[in-house]
C-alpha atoms as a PDB file:
ATOM      1  CA  MET A   1    -149.057  35.754 130.849  1.00  0.00           C
ATOM      2  CA  LEU A   2    -151.189  35.397 127.756  1.00  0.00           C
ATOM      3  CA  SER A   3    -149.344  35.760 124.475  1.00  0.00           C
ATOM      4  CA  HIS A   4    -150.232  38.505 122.086  1.00  0.00           C
ATOM      5  CA  GLY A   5    -153.524  37.709 120.417  1.00  0.00           C
ATOM      6  CA  THR A   6    -154.530  34.934 122.831  1.00  0.00           C
ATOM      7  CA  ARG A   7    -156.644  37.202 125.009  1.00  0.00           C
ATOM      8  CA  GLU A   8    -158.377  38.611 121.949  1.00  0.00           C
ATOM      9  CA  ALA A   9    -158.969  35.118 120.536  1.00  0.00           C
ATOM     10  CA  ILE A  10    -160.559  34.037 123.831  1.00  0.00           C
ATOM     11  CA  ASP A  11    -162.681  37.194 123.955  1.00  0.00           C
ATOM     12  CA  GLU A  12    -164.002  36.629 120.419  1.00  0.00           C
ATOM     13  CA  LEU A  13    -165.334  33.117 121.089  1.00  0.00           C
ATOM     14  CA  GLU A  14    -169.028  32.476 121.624  1.00  0.00           C
ATOM     15  CA  TYR A  15    -170.006  31.938 125.268  1.00  0.00           C
ATOM     16  CA  PRO A  16    -170.907  29.912 127.236  1.00  0.00           C
ATOM     17  CA  ILE A  17    -168.167  27.482 126.201  1.00  0.00           C
ATOM     18  CA  THR A  18    -166.781  24.239 127.624  1.00  0.00           C
ATOM     19  CA  THR A  19    -163.129  23.480 128.317  1.00  0.00           C
ATOM     20  CA  GLU A  20    -163.134  21.038 125.419  1.00  0.00           C
ATOM     21  CA  GLU A  21    -164.461  23.672 123.006  1.00  0.00           C
ATOM     22  CA  LEU A  22    -162.021  26.273 124.305  1.00  0.00           C
ATOM     23  CA  VAL A  23    -159.069  23.910 123.853  1.00  0.00           C
ATOM     24  CA  GLU A  24    -160.265  23.066 120.349  1.00  0.00           C
ATOM     25  CA  ALA A  25    -160.419  26.769 119.459  1.00  0.00           C
ATOM     26  CA  VAL A  26    -157.226  28.128 121.086  1.00  0.00           C
ATOM     27  CA  GLY A  27    -155.489  25.196 122.799  1.00  0.00           C
ATOM     28  CA  ASP A  28    -152.400  25.283 120.598  1.00  0.00           C
ATOM     29  CA  ARG A  29    -151.578  28.906 121.454  1.00  0.00           C
ATOM     30  CA  ARG A  30    -148.467  29.318 123.592  1.00  0.00           C
ATOM     31  CA  LEU A  31    -148.481  31.310 126.779  1.00  0.00           C
ATOM     32  CA  LEU A  32    -146.221  34.344 126.973  1.00  0.00           C
ATOM     33  CA  ASP A  33    -143.113  32.518 128.199  1.00  0.00           C
ATOM     34  CA  GLY A  34    -143.478  29.856 125.469  1.00  0.00           C
ATOM     35  CA  THR A  35    -143.109  26.810 127.737  1.00  0.00           C
ATOM     36  CA  GLU A  36    -146.821  25.953 127.921  1.00  0.00           C
ATOM     37  CA  THR A  37    -149.908  26.054 125.762  1.00  0.00           C
ATOM     38  CA  VAL A  38    -153.460  26.984 126.648  1.00  0.00           C
ATOM     39  CA  GLU A  39    -154.254  23.269 126.498  1.00  0.00           C
ATOM     40  CA  ASP A  40    -151.512  22.490 129.059  1.00  0.00           C
ATOM     41  CA  ALA A  41    -152.873  25.039 131.527  1.00  0.00           C
ATOM     42  CA  LEU A  42    -156.533  24.079 131.135  1.00  0.00           C
ATOM     43  CA  GLY A  43    -155.688  20.376 131.270  1.00  0.00           C
ATOM     44  CA  ARG A  44    -154.706  20.764 134.925  1.00  0.00           C
ATOM     45  CA  LEU A  45    -158.185  21.976 135.847  1.00  0.00           C
ATOM     46  CA  GLY A  46    -160.518  19.387 134.384  1.00  0.00           C
ATOM     47  CA  PRO A  47    -163.775  19.942 132.494  1.00  0.00           C
ATOM     48  CA  GLU A  48    -165.545  23.228 133.083  1.00  0.00           C
ATOM     49  CA  ARG A  49    -168.125  25.519 131.513  1.00  0.00           C
ATOM     50  CA  TYR A  50    -167.216  29.188 131.133  1.00  0.00           C
ATOM     51  CA  GLU A  51    -170.015  31.735 131.010  1.00  0.00           C
ATOM     52  CA  ARG A  52    -167.900  34.638 129.728  1.00  0.00           C
ATOM     53  CA  PRO A  53    -164.362  35.363 128.454  1.00  0.00           C
ATOM     54  CA  ARG A  54    -163.232  36.617 131.855  1.00  0.00           C
ATOM     55  CA  ASP A  55    -164.005  33.216 133.400  1.00  0.00           C
ATOM     56  CA  ALA A  56    -161.912  31.457 130.760  1.00  0.00           C
ATOM     57  CA  ARG A  57    -158.962  33.835 131.260  1.00  0.00           C
ATOM     58  CA  PHE A  58    -159.068  33.392 135.055  1.00  0.00           C
ATOM     59  CA  ALA A  59    -159.088  29.617 134.595  1.00  0.00           C
ATOM     60  CA  LEU A  60    -155.966  29.931 132.450  1.00  0.00           C
ATOM     61  CA  TYR A  61    -154.224  32.015 135.104  1.00  0.00           C
ATOM     62  CA  THR A  62    -155.119  29.352 137.678  1.00  0.00           C
ATOM     63  CA  GLY A  63    -153.803  26.497 135.542  1.00  0.00           C
ATOM     64  CA  ILE A  64    -150.452  28.019 134.643  1.00  0.00           C
ATOM     65  CA  SER A  65    -147.587  26.116 136.264  1.00  0.00           C
ATOM     66  CA  GLY A  66    -144.746  27.635 138.248  1.00  0.00           C
ATOM     67  CA  THR A  67    -142.333  27.119 135.356  1.00  0.00           C
ATOM     68  CA  ALA A  68    -144.320  29.541 133.226  1.00  0.00           C
ATOM     69  CA  ILE A  69    -144.195  32.326 135.786  1.00  0.00           C
ATOM     70  CA  GLY A  70    -140.472  33.015 135.942  1.00  0.00           C
ATOM     71  CA  ARG A  71    -138.252  33.300 138.995  1.00  0.00           C
ATOM     72  CA  ARG A  72    -140.216  32.103 142.004  1.00  0.00           C
ATOM     73  CA  HIS A  73    -140.403  34.403 145.007  1.00  0.00           C
ATOM     74  CA  TYR A  74    -138.529  37.139 143.110  1.00  0.00           C
ATOM     75  CA  SER A  75    -139.381  40.740 143.755  1.00  0.00           C
ATOM     76  CA  ASP A  76    -137.562  43.867 142.707  1.00  0.00           C
ATOM     77  CA  ARG A  77    -139.243  45.789 145.527  1.00  0.00           C
ATOM     78  CA  GLU A  78    -137.379  46.834 148.627  1.00  0.00           C
ATOM     79  CA  PRO A  79    -138.525  45.122 151.821  1.00  0.00           C
ATOM     80  CA  SER A  80    -140.822  47.350 153.834  1.00  0.00           C
ATOM     81  CA  THR A  81    -139.011  46.685 157.135  1.00  0.00           C
ATOM     82  CA  GLY A  82    -135.876  44.947 158.352  1.00  0.00           C
ATOM     83  CA  ASP A  83    -138.087  42.155 159.671  1.00  0.00           C
ATOM     84  CA  ALA A  84    -139.279  41.388 156.130  1.00  0.00           C
ATOM     85  CA  LEU A  85    -135.944  39.689 155.408  1.00  0.00           C
ATOM     86  CA  GLY A  86    -136.256  37.460 158.450  1.00  0.00           C
ATOM     87  CA  GLY A  87    -132.848  38.465 159.788  1.00  0.00           C
ATOM     88  CA  ARG A  88    -131.063  37.756 156.498  1.00  0.00           C
ATOM     89  CA  GLU A  89    -128.909  40.257 154.702  1.00  0.00           C
ATOM     90  CA  GLN A  90    -130.320  41.634 151.456  1.00  0.00           C
ATOM     91  CA  VAL A  91    -128.619  40.276 148.336  1.00  0.00           C
ATOM     92  CA  SER A  92    -128.439  42.197 145.095  1.00  0.00           C
ATOM     93  CA  PHE A  93    -127.655  40.649 141.710  1.00  0.00           C
END
């Protein structure tokens, strides 16, 4: 979900860090799908203080919208049982 270099840029910042400082440092970076920035995702969460890089990355994952994820409810895995489809016939694209 994080574009190449974004994770590293977050990891290299000095912690603890506030949302405002994080957005100032890496807010213009686009997420992997290109539809949102770090600032967009963090803006949904409100002000916060992150003690370590992991906290900041998890906040980003939380703030990412459904449009940045891809096809909703899509799985390329086979259902484990016939009941998993809820009585519907499996469709393949």
